[in-house]
Amino acid sequence: MNSSARWTLAIAVVMVLVLGAFVAEFVGSDDGEQTTSQSAEGPQAQDRRAADTAEALAGPRQRADLRPCPGPGVGPGPEKLRGIALECASDGSTVEVAKTVAGRPTVLNLWAYWCGPCADELPAMAEYQRRVGSAVTVLTVHQDQNEEAALLRLAELGVHLPTLQDGRRRVAGALRVPNVMPATVVLRADGSVAQILPRSFATAEEIEAAVGDLR
């Protein structure tokens, strides 16, 4: 190989190395920006997905046909729940949880759309509510950000209980409910916790026996 050819080859090698370094730096910089962005956002600190807009949920809400969430009761409600405001899944309105359960015996049923035992239990909760009538309020709390899936699951089950959307699981955290689903919290009319039941129920009779007489 003559001198001219060697110089040409050397220059070509240098150009390839420089180009490779440039591409690596560009890709690395882009990946770094993406990583920083994802890290800054982290898991969505929201109770529902960004995709679950009012427009997107209109159809699922109509299909689910949930009962409205109860209005404010008498008194300030349980201290541990004060300051927690959640969306009522039936219409998207904002509910102050402590005020909603204030002055009324309440059964909070904590669940998620992907939870098999929860799906088995929800119809039993609905039947329990039918039996006790207005003496006790059954309020379900959906603990996943996918609100659309929750509405579709309730529609599929034919369960129309009032439901709060709690993707951040703030109710469970405030009441120190074990990290299992389903779980049921029984509140007395004065706001005190009568029972925390980290288990599933198969029938309304089982629920009635576990909750006891709150009237």
N, C-alpha and C. Protein backbone atom coordinates (compact mmCIF):
# COMPACT_ATOMS: atom_id res chain seq x y z
N MET A 1 0.86 -1.20 0.00
CA MET A 1 0.00 0.00 0.00
C MET A 1 0.89 1.24 0.00
N ASN A 2 0.66 2.17 -0.94
CA ASN A 2 1.50 3.37 -1.01
C ASN A 2 1.10 4.37 0.07
N SER A 3 1.92 5.41 0.20
CA SER A 3 1.72 6.41 1.25
C SER A 3 0.38 7.12 1.14
N SER A 4 0.00 7.43 -0.07
CA SER A 4 -1.28 8.13 -0.28
C SER A 4 -2.45 7.28 0.17
N ALA A 5 -2.41 6.01 -0.14
CA ALA A 5 -3.50 5.11 0.25
C ALA A 5 -3.58 4.96 1.76
N ARG A 6 -2.37 4.89 2.39
CA ARG A 6 -2.34 4.75 3.86
C ARG A 6 -2.96 5.99 4.52
N TRP A 7 -2.64 7.18 3.99
CA TRP A 7 -3.21 8.40 4.55
C TRP A 7 -4.74 8.45 4.36
N THR A 8 -5.18 8.01 3.21
CA THR A 8 -6.62 7.98 2.95
C THR A 8 -7.33 7.05 3.92
N LEU A 9 -6.74 5.87 4.15
CA LEU A 9 -7.32 4.91 5.08
C LEU A 9 -7.34 5.45 6.50
N ALA A 10 -6.23 6.10 6.88
CA ALA A 10 -6.14 6.65 8.23
C ALA A 10 -7.21 7.71 8.47
N ILE A 11 -7.37 8.60 7.48
CA ILE A 11 -8.37 9.66 7.60
C ILE A 11 -9.78 9.06 7.70
N ALA A 12 -10.04 8.00 6.91
CA ALA A 12 -11.35 7.36 6.94
C ALA A 12 -11.63 6.76 8.31
N VAL A 13 -10.60 6.12 8.89
CA VAL A 13 -10.77 5.52 10.23
C VAL A 13 -11.07 6.59 11.26
N VAL A 14 -10.34 7.69 11.20
CA VAL A 14 -10.56 8.78 12.16
C VAL A 14 -11.97 9.34 12.03
N MET A 15 -12.43 9.50 10.80
CA MET A 15 -13.78 10.04 10.58
C MET A 15 -14.84 9.10 11.14
N VAL A 16 -14.64 7.78 10.97
CA VAL A 16 -15.60 6.81 11.51
C VAL A 16 -15.64 6.90 13.02
N LEU A 17 -14.46 7.00 13.66
CA LEU A 17 -14.40 7.09 15.12
C LEU A 17 -15.08 8.35 15.64
N VAL A 18 -14.82 9.47 14.96
CA VAL A 18 -15.44 10.74 15.38
C VAL A 18 -16.95 10.68 15.24
N LEU A 19 -17.39 10.12 14.10
CA LEU A 19 -18.83 10.01 13.88
C LEU A 19 -19.47 9.10 14.91
N GLY A 20 -18.78 7.99 15.23
CA GLY A 20 -19.33 7.08 16.24
C GLY A 20 -19.44 7.73 17.59
N ALA A 21 -18.43 8.50 17.97
CA ALA A 21 -18.46 9.19 19.26
C ALA A 21 -19.59 10.21 19.31
N PHE A 22 -19.79 10.91 18.18
CA PHE A 22 -20.86 11.90 18.11
C PHE A 22 -22.22 11.26 18.28
N VAL A 23 -22.44 10.14 17.58
CA VAL A 23 -23.72 9.45 17.66
C VAL A 23 -23.96 8.93 19.06
N ALA A 24 -22.89 8.35 19.66
CA ALA A 24 -23.03 7.81 21.03
C ALA A 24 -23.39 8.91 22.00
N GLU A 25 -22.74 10.08 21.85
CA GLU A 25 -23.02 11.20 22.75
C GLU A 25 -24.45 11.70 22.58
N PHE A 26 -24.90 11.77 21.31
CA PHE A 26 -26.26 12.23 21.04
C PHE A 26 -27.30 11.29 21.63
N VAL A 27 -27.11 9.99 21.39
CA VAL A 27 -28.06 8.99 21.92
C VAL A 27 -28.05 8.98 23.42
N GLY A 28 -26.83 9.04 23.99
CA GLY A 28 -26.73 9.04 25.44
C GLY A 28 -27.41 10.23 26.05
N SER A 29 -27.23 11.40 25.38
CA SER A 29 -27.87 12.62 25.88
C SER A 29 -29.37 12.50 25.82
N ASP A 30 -29.91 11.93 24.71
CA ASP A 30 -31.35 11.77 24.56
C ASP A 30 -31.91 10.83 25.60
N ASP A 31 -31.19 9.69 25.80
CA ASP A 31 -31.64 8.73 26.82
C ASP A 31 -31.63 9.36 28.19
N GLY A 32 -30.59 10.18 28.44
CA GLY A 32 -30.48 10.82 29.74
C GLY A 32 -31.64 11.76 29.98
N GLU A 33 -32.04 12.49 28.93
CA GLU A 33 -33.16 13.40 29.08
C GLU A 33 -34.43 12.63 29.37
N GLN A 34 -34.62 11.51 28.65
CA GLN A 34 -35.82 10.72 28.88
C GLN A 34 -35.84 10.16 30.29
N THR A 35 -34.68 9.66 30.75
CA THR A 35 -34.60 9.09 32.09
C THR A 35 -34.90 10.14 33.13
N THR A 36 -34.32 11.35 32.94
CA THR A 36 -34.56 12.43 33.88
C THR A 36 -36.03 12.80 33.91
N SER A 37 -36.64 12.88 32.73
CA SER A 37 -38.06 13.23 32.66
C SER A 37 -38.92 12.19 33.36
N GLN A 38 -38.64 10.91 33.11
CA GLN A 38 -39.43 9.85 33.74
C GLN A 38 -39.23 9.85 35.23
N SER A 39 -37.96 10.08 35.64
CA SER A 39 -37.66 10.07 37.06
C SER A 39 -38.36 11.23 37.77
N ALA A 40 -38.39 12.39 37.08
CA ALA A 40 -39.02 13.56 37.70
C ALA A 40 -40.52 13.34 37.86
N GLU A 41 -41.14 12.70 36.85
CA GLU A 41 -42.57 12.48 36.93
C GLU A 41 -42.88 11.33 37.88
N GLY A 42 -42.08 10.27 37.82
CA GLY A 42 -42.32 9.10 38.65
C GLY A 42 -43.67 8.51 38.34
N PRO A 43 -44.16 7.63 39.22
CA PRO A 43 -45.52 7.13 39.06
C PRO A 43 -46.48 8.30 39.14
N GLN A 44 -47.50 8.32 38.34
CA GLN A 44 -48.44 9.44 38.33
C GLN A 44 -49.02 9.65 39.72
N ALA A 45 -48.77 10.84 40.26
CA ALA A 45 -49.30 11.14 41.59
C ALA A 45 -50.72 11.64 41.45
N GLN A 46 -51.56 10.84 40.82
CA GLN A 46 -52.95 11.19 40.60
C GLN A 46 -53.83 10.01 40.98
N ASP A 47 -55.09 10.31 41.26
CA ASP A 47 -56.02 9.25 41.63
C ASP A 47 -56.54 8.50 40.42
N ARG A 48 -56.36 9.07 39.23
CA ARG A 48 -56.79 8.38 38.01
C ARG A 48 -55.82 8.69 36.88
N ARG A 49 -55.88 7.91 35.82
CA ARG A 49 -54.99 8.11 34.68
C ARG A 49 -55.33 9.40 33.93
N ALA A 50 -54.32 9.93 33.26
CA ALA A 50 -54.55 11.12 32.44
C ALA A 50 -55.55 10.82 31.33
N ALA A 51 -55.56 9.56 30.88
CA ALA A 51 -56.48 9.17 29.80
C ALA A 51 -57.94 9.15 30.24
N ASP A 52 -58.16 9.10 31.55
CA ASP A 52 -59.53 9.01 32.06
C ASP A 52 -60.15 10.40 32.20
N THR A 53 -60.35 11.04 31.07
CA THR A 53 -60.99 12.36 31.06
C THR A 53 -62.50 12.19 31.21
N ALA A 54 -63.17 13.31 31.45
CA ALA A 54 -64.62 13.26 31.58
C ALA A 54 -65.26 12.71 30.31
N GLU A 55 -64.70 13.09 29.17
CA GLU A 55 -65.25 12.61 27.90
C GLU A 55 -65.04 11.10 27.75
N ALA A 56 -63.85 10.63 28.10
CA ALA A 56 -63.55 9.21 27.96
C ALA A 56 -64.37 8.36 28.92
N LEU A 57 -64.73 8.93 30.06
CA LEU A 57 -65.46 8.16 31.07
C LEU A 57 -66.98 8.26 30.92
N ALA A 58 -67.45 9.12 30.04
CA ALA A 58 -68.90 9.31 29.90
C ALA A 58 -69.62 8.01 29.58
N GLY A 59 -69.13 7.27 28.60
CA GLY A 59 -69.76 6.00 28.23
C GLY A 59 -69.69 4.97 29.34
N PRO A 60 -68.50 4.70 29.91
CA PRO A 60 -68.40 3.76 31.01
C PRO A 60 -69.27 4.15 32.21
N ARG A 61 -69.36 5.44 32.49
CA ARG A 61 -70.22 5.87 33.61
C ARG A 61 -71.69 5.56 33.34
N GLN A 62 -72.08 5.77 32.10
CA GLN A 62 -73.47 5.47 31.75
C GLN A 62 -73.74 3.97 31.89
N ARG A 63 -72.79 3.16 31.46
CA ARG A 63 -72.96 1.72 31.55
C ARG A 63 -72.98 1.25 33.00
N ALA A 64 -72.11 1.83 33.83
CA ALA A 64 -72.04 1.41 35.23
C ALA A 64 -73.27 1.83 36.02
N ASP A 65 -73.81 3.02 35.71
CA ASP A 65 -75.03 3.50 36.35
C ASP A 65 -74.92 3.43 37.88
N LEU A 66 -73.84 4.00 38.41
CA LEU A 66 -73.61 3.95 39.85
C LEU A 66 -74.52 4.93 40.59
N ARG A 67 -74.79 4.60 41.83
CA ARG A 67 -75.56 5.52 42.67
C ARG A 67 -74.68 6.71 43.03
N PRO A 68 -75.27 7.86 43.23
CA PRO A 68 -74.49 9.03 43.64
C PRO A 68 -73.82 8.79 44.99
N CYS A 69 -72.70 9.42 45.19
CA CYS A 69 -72.05 9.33 46.50
C CYS A 69 -72.87 10.11 47.52
N PRO A 70 -72.90 9.65 48.76
CA PRO A 70 -73.69 10.35 49.79
C PRO A 70 -73.21 11.78 49.98
N GLY A 71 -74.14 12.65 50.31
CA GLY A 71 -73.78 14.03 50.63
C GLY A 71 -73.17 14.10 52.01
N PRO A 72 -72.74 15.29 52.43
CA PRO A 72 -72.14 15.45 53.76
C PRO A 72 -73.09 15.01 54.86
N GLY A 73 -72.54 14.28 55.83
CA GLY A 73 -73.32 13.86 56.98
C GLY A 73 -73.26 14.91 58.08
N VAL A 74 -73.54 14.47 59.28
CA VAL A 74 -73.57 15.38 60.42
C VAL A 74 -72.23 15.34 61.14
N GLY A 75 -71.58 16.48 61.27
CA GLY A 75 -70.31 16.54 61.98
C GLY A 75 -69.12 16.52 61.04
N PRO A 76 -67.91 16.65 61.60
CA PRO A 76 -66.70 16.73 60.78
C PRO A 76 -66.21 15.39 60.25
N GLY A 77 -66.68 14.30 60.85
CA GLY A 77 -66.26 12.98 60.39
C GLY A 77 -64.95 12.54 61.01
N PRO A 78 -64.47 11.35 60.66
CA PRO A 78 -63.25 10.80 61.25
C PRO A 78 -62.05 11.70 61.03
N GLU A 79 -61.31 11.95 62.09
CA GLU A 79 -60.15 12.84 62.00
C GLU A 79 -59.12 12.34 60.98
N LYS A 80 -58.91 11.01 60.93
CA LYS A 80 -57.89 10.45 60.05
C LYS A 80 -58.22 10.64 58.57
N LEU A 81 -59.50 10.85 58.27
CA LEU A 81 -59.90 11.01 56.87
C LEU A 81 -60.08 12.47 56.45
N ARG A 82 -59.93 13.36 57.39
CA ARG A 82 -60.11 14.78 57.06
C ARG A 82 -59.02 15.25 56.11
N GLY A 83 -59.41 16.03 55.15
CA GLY A 83 -58.46 16.54 54.18
C GLY A 83 -58.31 15.66 52.95
N ILE A 84 -58.94 14.49 52.97
CA ILE A 84 -58.88 13.61 51.80
C ILE A 84 -60.11 13.87 50.93
N ALA A 85 -59.86 14.36 49.73
CA ALA A 85 -60.92 14.62 48.76
C ALA A 85 -60.72 13.71 47.57
N LEU A 86 -61.75 12.95 47.21
CA LEU A 86 -61.66 12.00 46.12
C LEU A 86 -62.79 12.24 45.12
N GLU A 87 -62.62 11.66 43.95
CA GLU A 87 -63.63 11.78 42.92
C GLU A 87 -64.72 10.73 43.12
N CYS A 88 -65.95 11.15 42.99
CA CYS A 88 -67.06 10.19 42.99
C CYS A 88 -67.17 9.62 41.58
N ALA A 89 -67.04 8.30 41.46
CA ALA A 89 -66.96 7.68 40.14
C ALA A 89 -68.26 7.81 39.35
N SER A 90 -69.37 8.05 40.01
CA SER A 90 -70.64 8.11 39.29
C SER A 90 -70.76 9.33 38.39
N ASP A 91 -70.16 10.47 38.82
CA ASP A 91 -70.34 11.70 38.05
C ASP A 91 -69.11 12.60 37.99
N GLY A 92 -68.01 12.18 38.65
CA GLY A 92 -66.79 12.98 38.62
C GLY A 92 -66.75 14.12 39.62
N SER A 93 -67.76 14.23 40.47
CA SER A 93 -67.76 15.29 41.48
C SER A 93 -66.72 14.98 42.56
N THR A 94 -66.33 16.01 43.29
CA THR A 94 -65.35 15.84 44.36
C THR A 94 -66.05 15.61 45.69
N VAL A 95 -65.54 14.62 46.41
CA VAL A 95 -66.15 14.22 47.68
C VAL A 95 -65.13 14.36 48.80
N GLU A 96 -65.49 15.06 49.86
CA GLU A 96 -64.65 15.09 51.06
C GLU A 96 -65.03 13.88 51.90
N VAL A 97 -64.11 12.94 51.97
CA VAL A 97 -64.43 11.62 52.51
C VAL A 97 -64.92 11.69 53.96
N ALA A 98 -64.23 12.45 54.79
CA ALA A 98 -64.61 12.52 56.20
C ALA A 98 -66.04 13.03 56.38
N LYS A 99 -66.39 14.06 55.62
CA LYS A 99 -67.75 14.61 55.72
C LYS A 99 -68.78 13.65 55.16
N THR A 100 -68.41 12.87 54.16
CA THR A 100 -69.35 11.94 53.55
C THR A 100 -69.75 10.82 54.51
N VAL A 101 -68.80 10.36 55.31
CA VAL A 101 -69.11 9.26 56.25
C VAL A 101 -69.53 9.77 57.62
N ALA A 102 -69.47 11.08 57.84
CA ALA A 102 -69.79 11.65 59.14
C ALA A 102 -71.23 11.36 59.55
N GLY A 103 -71.39 10.91 60.78
CA GLY A 103 -72.72 10.75 61.34
C GLY A 103 -73.50 9.57 60.82
N ARG A 104 -72.88 8.69 60.04
CA ARG A 104 -73.59 7.52 59.53
C ARG A 104 -72.70 6.29 59.59
N PRO A 105 -73.24 5.18 60.09
CA PRO A 105 -72.48 3.93 60.05
C PRO A 105 -72.12 3.61 58.60
N THR A 106 -70.86 3.30 58.35
CA THR A 106 -70.39 3.14 56.98
C THR A 106 -69.50 1.91 56.85
N VAL A 107 -69.69 1.20 55.75
CA VAL A 107 -68.81 0.09 55.39
C VAL A 107 -68.04 0.53 54.15
N LEU A 108 -66.72 0.67 54.31
CA LEU A 108 -65.85 1.01 53.19
C LEU A 108 -65.27 -0.28 52.62
N ASN A 109 -65.53 -0.54 51.36
CA ASN A 109 -65.01 -1.74 50.71
C ASN A 109 -63.90 -1.34 49.74
N LEU A 110 -62.66 -1.73 50.05
CA LEU A 110 -61.49 -1.35 49.26
C LEU A 110 -61.17 -2.45 48.25
N TRP A 111 -61.08 -2.05 46.96
CA TRP A 111 -60.93 -3.06 45.92
C TRP A 111 -60.20 -2.48 44.72
N ALA A 112 -59.95 -3.34 43.72
CA ALA A 112 -59.37 -2.90 42.44
C ALA A 112 -59.96 -3.76 41.33
N TYR A 113 -60.01 -3.19 40.14
CA TYR A 113 -60.68 -3.86 39.02
C TYR A 113 -60.02 -5.18 38.65
N TRP A 114 -58.72 -5.34 38.90
CA TRP A 114 -57.98 -6.54 38.50
C TRP A 114 -58.00 -7.63 39.57
N CYS A 115 -58.61 -7.35 40.69
CA CYS A 115 -58.61 -8.27 41.84
C CYS A 115 -59.76 -9.26 41.72
N GLY A 116 -59.42 -10.54 41.53
CA GLY A 116 -60.44 -11.58 41.38
C GLY A 116 -61.35 -11.72 42.58
N PRO A 117 -60.81 -11.86 43.81
CA PRO A 117 -61.66 -11.97 45.00
C PRO A 117 -62.55 -10.74 45.19
N CYS A 118 -62.06 -9.58 44.75
CA CYS A 118 -62.88 -8.35 44.85
C CYS A 118 -64.13 -8.49 43.98
N ALA A 119 -63.94 -9.01 42.77
CA ALA A 119 -65.07 -9.18 41.85
C ALA A 119 -66.08 -10.17 42.41
N ASP A 120 -65.60 -11.18 43.12
CA ASP A 120 -66.51 -12.14 43.74
C ASP A 120 -67.27 -11.52 44.90
N GLU A 121 -66.62 -10.60 45.59
CA GLU A 121 -67.19 -10.02 46.81
C GLU A 121 -68.17 -8.88 46.53
N LEU A 122 -67.93 -8.10 45.50
CA LEU A 122 -68.75 -6.90 45.27
C LEU A 122 -70.25 -7.18 45.17
N PRO A 123 -70.68 -8.23 44.45
CA PRO A 123 -72.12 -8.51 44.45
C PRO A 123 -72.67 -8.82 45.84
N ALA A 124 -71.85 -9.46 46.67
CA ALA A 124 -72.28 -9.74 48.04
C ALA A 124 -72.42 -8.44 48.83
N MET A 125 -71.51 -7.47 48.58
CA MET A 125 -71.62 -6.17 49.23
C MET A 125 -72.90 -5.46 48.80
N ALA A 126 -73.22 -5.57 47.51
CA ALA A 126 -74.44 -4.94 47.01
C ALA A 126 -75.68 -5.57 47.65
N GLU A 127 -75.66 -6.88 47.82
CA GLU A 127 -76.79 -7.56 48.45
C GLU A 127 -76.88 -7.19 49.93
N TYR A 128 -75.73 -7.07 50.58
CA TYR A 128 -75.72 -6.63 51.98
C TYR A 128 -76.34 -5.25 52.10
N GLN A 129 -75.97 -4.32 51.22
CA GLN A 129 -76.55 -2.98 51.25
C GLN A 129 -78.06 -3.02 51.05
N ARG A 130 -78.51 -3.87 50.15
CA ARG A 130 -79.96 -3.99 49.92
C ARG A 130 -80.68 -4.44 51.19
N ARG A 131 -80.05 -5.34 51.92
CA ARG A 131 -80.70 -5.87 53.13
C ARG A 131 -80.73 -4.87 54.28
N VAL A 132 -79.63 -4.14 54.48
CA VAL A 132 -79.58 -3.22 55.63
C VAL A 132 -80.22 -1.88 55.32
N GLY A 133 -80.44 -1.59 54.04
CA GLY A 133 -81.10 -0.35 53.68
C GLY A 133 -80.32 0.88 54.10
N SER A 134 -81.02 1.91 54.54
CA SER A 134 -80.40 3.18 54.88
C SER A 134 -79.71 3.17 56.24
N ALA A 135 -79.84 2.07 56.98
CA ALA A 135 -79.22 2.00 58.31
C ALA A 135 -77.70 2.02 58.24
N VAL A 136 -77.14 1.48 57.15
CA VAL A 136 -75.69 1.45 56.95
C VAL A 136 -75.41 1.87 55.51
N THR A 137 -74.35 2.65 55.32
CA THR A 137 -73.95 3.06 53.97
C THR A 137 -72.76 2.23 53.53
N VAL A 138 -72.90 1.58 52.39
CA VAL A 138 -71.77 0.84 51.81
C VAL A 138 -71.18 1.72 50.72
N LEU A 139 -69.90 2.00 50.86
CA LEU A 139 -69.19 2.88 49.93
C LEU A 139 -67.95 2.13 49.45
N THR A 140 -67.86 1.87 48.15
CA THR A 140 -66.67 1.17 47.67
C THR A 140 -65.59 2.17 47.30
N VAL A 141 -64.35 1.75 47.45
CA VAL A 141 -63.20 2.62 47.20
C VAL A 141 -62.28 1.89 46.22
N HIS A 142 -62.21 2.41 44.99
CA HIS A 142 -61.39 1.74 43.97
C HIS A 142 -59.95 2.20 44.07
N GLN A 143 -59.03 1.24 44.31
CA GLN A 143 -57.64 1.55 44.61
C GLN A 143 -56.70 1.28 43.44
N ASP A 144 -57.04 1.80 42.29
CA ASP A 144 -56.16 1.72 41.13
C ASP A 144 -56.44 2.95 40.28
N GLN A 145 -55.44 3.42 39.53
CA GLN A 145 -55.62 4.64 38.74
C GLN A 145 -56.52 4.44 37.53
N ASN A 146 -56.74 3.21 37.10
CA ASN A 146 -57.53 2.97 35.90
C ASN A 146 -59.03 3.01 36.24
N GLU A 147 -59.57 4.21 36.19
CA GLU A 147 -60.98 4.40 36.57
C GLU A 147 -61.92 3.80 35.52
N GLU A 148 -61.54 3.89 34.27
CA GLU A 148 -62.38 3.33 33.22
C GLU A 148 -62.58 1.83 33.44
N ALA A 149 -61.49 1.13 33.76
CA ALA A 149 -61.59 -0.31 34.00
C ALA A 149 -62.48 -0.61 35.20
N ALA A 150 -62.43 0.25 36.21
CA ALA A 150 -63.28 0.06 37.39
C ALA A 150 -64.76 0.17 37.02
N LEU A 151 -65.07 1.19 36.24
CA LEU A 151 -66.47 1.39 35.83
C LEU A 151 -66.97 0.22 34.99
N LEU A 152 -66.13 -0.24 34.09
CA LEU A 152 -66.53 -1.37 33.23
C LEU A 152 -66.68 -2.65 34.03
N ARG A 153 -65.82 -2.83 35.04
CA ARG A 153 -65.96 -4.02 35.88
C ARG A 153 -67.26 -3.97 36.69
N LEU A 154 -67.59 -2.82 37.25
CA LEU A 154 -68.84 -2.68 38.01
C LEU A 154 -70.04 -2.89 37.10
N ALA A 155 -69.96 -2.38 35.87
CA ALA A 155 -71.06 -2.59 34.92
C ALA A 155 -71.21 -4.08 34.61
N GLU A 156 -70.09 -4.75 34.43
CA GLU A 156 -70.10 -6.18 34.14
C GLU A 156 -70.72 -6.98 35.29
N LEU A 157 -70.42 -6.55 36.52
CA LEU A 157 -70.92 -7.26 37.70
C LEU A 157 -72.35 -6.87 38.06
N GLY A 158 -72.83 -5.77 37.49
CA GLY A 158 -74.17 -5.29 37.83
C GLY A 158 -74.22 -4.72 39.24
N VAL A 159 -73.10 -4.18 39.69
CA VAL A 159 -73.00 -3.59 41.03
C VAL A 159 -73.05 -2.07 40.88
N HIS A 160 -73.99 -1.43 41.55
CA HIS A 160 -74.22 0.01 41.37
C HIS A 160 -73.93 0.81 42.63
N LEU A 161 -73.15 0.25 43.54
CA LEU A 161 -72.84 0.94 44.79
C LEU A 161 -72.06 2.23 44.52
N PRO A 162 -72.27 3.26 45.34
CA PRO A 162 -71.47 4.48 45.18
C PRO A 162 -70.00 4.16 45.36
N THR A 163 -69.16 4.77 44.53
CA THR A 163 -67.75 4.41 44.48
C THR A 163 -66.86 5.64 44.46
N LEU A 164 -65.80 5.60 45.26
CA LEU A 164 -64.79 6.64 45.25
C LEU A 164 -63.57 6.16 44.48
N GLN A 165 -62.98 7.05 43.69
CA GLN A 165 -61.78 6.72 42.92
C GLN A 165 -60.56 7.15 43.71
N ASP A 166 -59.78 6.17 44.16
CA ASP A 166 -58.66 6.43 45.07
C ASP A 166 -57.39 5.74 44.57
N GLY A 167 -56.88 6.20 43.42
CA GLY A 167 -55.71 5.57 42.82
C GLY A 167 -54.46 5.64 43.67
N ARG A 168 -54.40 6.59 44.59
CA ARG A 168 -53.22 6.71 45.45
C ARG A 168 -53.40 5.97 46.78
N ARG A 169 -54.56 5.35 46.97
CA ARG A 169 -54.85 4.56 48.18
C ARG A 169 -54.70 5.39 49.46
N ARG A 170 -55.23 6.60 49.39
CA ARG A 170 -55.10 7.48 50.54
C ARG A 170 -55.98 7.06 51.71
N VAL A 171 -57.15 6.52 51.40
CA VAL A 171 -58.03 6.07 52.48
C VAL A 171 -57.37 4.93 53.25
N ALA A 172 -56.85 3.96 52.53
CA ALA A 172 -56.18 2.83 53.18
C ALA A 172 -54.99 3.30 54.00
N GLY A 173 -54.23 4.25 53.45
CA GLY A 173 -53.07 4.76 54.18
C GLY A 173 -53.47 5.49 55.45
N ALA A 174 -54.51 6.30 55.36
CA ALA A 174 -54.94 7.07 56.53
C ALA A 174 -55.47 6.17 57.64
N LEU A 175 -56.15 5.10 57.25
CA LEU A 175 -56.75 4.19 58.24
C LEU A 175 -55.85 3.00 58.58
N ARG A 176 -54.68 2.97 57.96
CA ARG A 176 -53.69 1.91 58.19
C ARG A 176 -54.27 0.52 57.91
N VAL A 177 -54.87 0.43 56.75
CA VAL A 177 -55.42 -0.86 56.32
C VAL A 177 -54.28 -1.70 55.75
N PRO A 178 -54.18 -2.97 56.10
CA PRO A 178 -53.14 -3.83 55.52
C PRO A 178 -53.19 -3.80 53.99
N ASN A 179 -52.04 -3.96 53.37
CA ASN A 179 -51.94 -3.85 51.92
C ASN A 179 -52.43 -5.13 51.24
N VAL A 180 -53.71 -5.40 51.40
CA VAL A 180 -54.34 -6.54 50.74
C VAL A 180 -55.67 -6.08 50.16
N MET A 181 -56.14 -6.78 49.16
CA MET A 181 -57.46 -6.49 48.59
C MET A 181 -58.16 -7.80 48.28
N PRO A 182 -59.47 -7.83 48.55
CA PRO A 182 -60.26 -6.74 49.12
C PRO A 182 -60.00 -6.59 50.61
N ALA A 183 -60.39 -5.44 51.12
CA ALA A 183 -60.37 -5.19 52.56
C ALA A 183 -61.58 -4.33 52.88
N THR A 184 -62.11 -4.50 54.06
CA THR A 184 -63.30 -3.77 54.46
C THR A 184 -63.06 -3.05 55.78
N VAL A 185 -63.45 -1.79 55.82
CA VAL A 185 -63.33 -0.99 57.04
C VAL A 185 -64.75 -0.63 57.50
N VAL A 186 -65.03 -0.91 58.76
CA VAL A 186 -66.34 -0.63 59.33
C VAL A 186 -66.22 0.58 60.24
N LEU A 187 -66.96 1.64 59.92
CA LEU A 187 -66.94 2.87 60.71
C LEU A 187 -68.25 3.05 61.46
N ARG A 188 -68.14 3.40 62.72
CA ARG A 188 -69.33 3.73 63.50
C ARG A 188 -69.81 5.13 63.11
N ALA A 189 -71.01 5.47 63.56
CA ALA A 189 -71.57 6.78 63.22
C ALA A 189 -70.74 7.92 63.78
N ASP A 190 -70.02 7.68 64.88
CA ASP A 190 -69.20 8.74 65.46
C ASP A 190 -67.84 8.87 64.77
N GLY A 191 -67.61 8.06 63.74
CA GLY A 191 -66.37 8.15 62.97
C GLY A 191 -65.27 7.22 63.44
N SER A 192 -65.48 6.55 64.54
CA SER A 192 -64.46 5.63 65.03
C SER A 192 -64.47 4.35 64.20
N VAL A 193 -63.32 3.70 64.15
CA VAL A 193 -63.19 2.46 63.39
C VAL A 193 -63.63 1.29 64.25
N ALA A 194 -64.69 0.63 63.82
CA ALA A 194 -65.18 -0.53 64.56
C ALA A 194 -64.35 -1.76 64.23
N GLN A 195 -64.04 -1.93 62.94
CA GLN A 195 -63.27 -3.10 62.52
C GLN A 195 -62.53 -2.80 61.22
N ILE A 196 -61.39 -3.46 61.07
CA ILE A 196 -60.70 -3.52 59.77
C ILE A 196 -60.62 -5.00 59.42
N LEU A 197 -61.22 -5.34 58.28
CA LEU A 197 -61.35 -6.75 57.90
C LEU A 197 -60.58 -6.99 56.59
N PRO A 198 -59.31 -7.41 56.69
CA PRO A 198 -58.52 -7.66 55.48
C PRO A 198 -58.78 -9.07 54.93
N ARG A 199 -59.97 -9.27 54.45
CA ARG A 199 -60.38 -10.58 53.95
C ARG A 199 -61.50 -10.39 52.94
N SER A 200 -61.83 -11.46 52.25
CA SER A 200 -62.92 -11.40 51.28
C SER A 200 -64.14 -12.10 51.85
N PHE A 201 -65.30 -11.71 51.34
CA PHE A 201 -66.57 -12.31 51.75
C PHE A 201 -67.26 -12.88 50.53
N ALA A 202 -67.91 -14.02 50.73
CA ALA A 202 -68.58 -14.68 49.61
C ALA A 202 -70.07 -14.36 49.57
N THR A 203 -70.65 -14.04 50.72
CA THR A 203 -72.10 -13.83 50.78
C THR A 203 -72.44 -12.63 51.65
N ALA A 204 -73.66 -12.15 51.48
CA ALA A 204 -74.15 -11.05 52.31
C ALA A 204 -74.26 -11.48 53.76
N GLU A 205 -74.57 -12.76 53.97
CA GLU A 205 -74.68 -13.28 55.34
C GLU A 205 -73.34 -13.19 56.05
N GLU A 206 -72.26 -13.51 55.35
CA GLU A 206 -70.93 -13.42 55.95
C GLU A 206 -70.61 -11.98 56.32
N ILE A 207 -70.95 -11.07 55.44
CA ILE A 207 -70.68 -9.65 55.71
C ILE A 207 -71.49 -9.19 56.92
N GLU A 208 -72.75 -9.55 56.94
CA GLU A 208 -73.62 -9.14 58.05
C GLU A 208 -73.10 -9.65 59.38
N ALA A 209 -72.63 -10.90 59.40
CA ALA A 209 -72.12 -11.48 60.63
C ALA A 209 -70.83 -10.79 61.07
N ALA A 210 -69.98 -10.42 60.11
CA ALA A 210 -68.70 -9.79 60.44
C ALA A 210 -68.88 -8.34 60.87
N VAL A 211 -69.76 -7.63 60.22
CA VAL A 211 -69.96 -6.20 60.52
C VAL A 211 -70.69 -6.03 61.84
N GLY A 212 -71.66 -6.87 62.08
CA GLY A 212 -72.45 -6.75 63.29
C GLY A 212 -73.50 -5.67 63.19
N ASP A 213 -74.09 -5.34 64.31
CA ASP A 213 -75.18 -4.37 64.35
C ASP A 213 -74.62 -2.98 64.63
N LEU A 214 -74.65 -2.11 63.63
CA LEU A 214 -74.16 -0.74 63.79
C LEU A 214 -75.31 0.24 63.96
N ARG A 215 -76.52 -0.28 64.00
CA ARG A 215 -77.67 0.61 64.05
C ARG A 215 -77.99 1.03 65.47
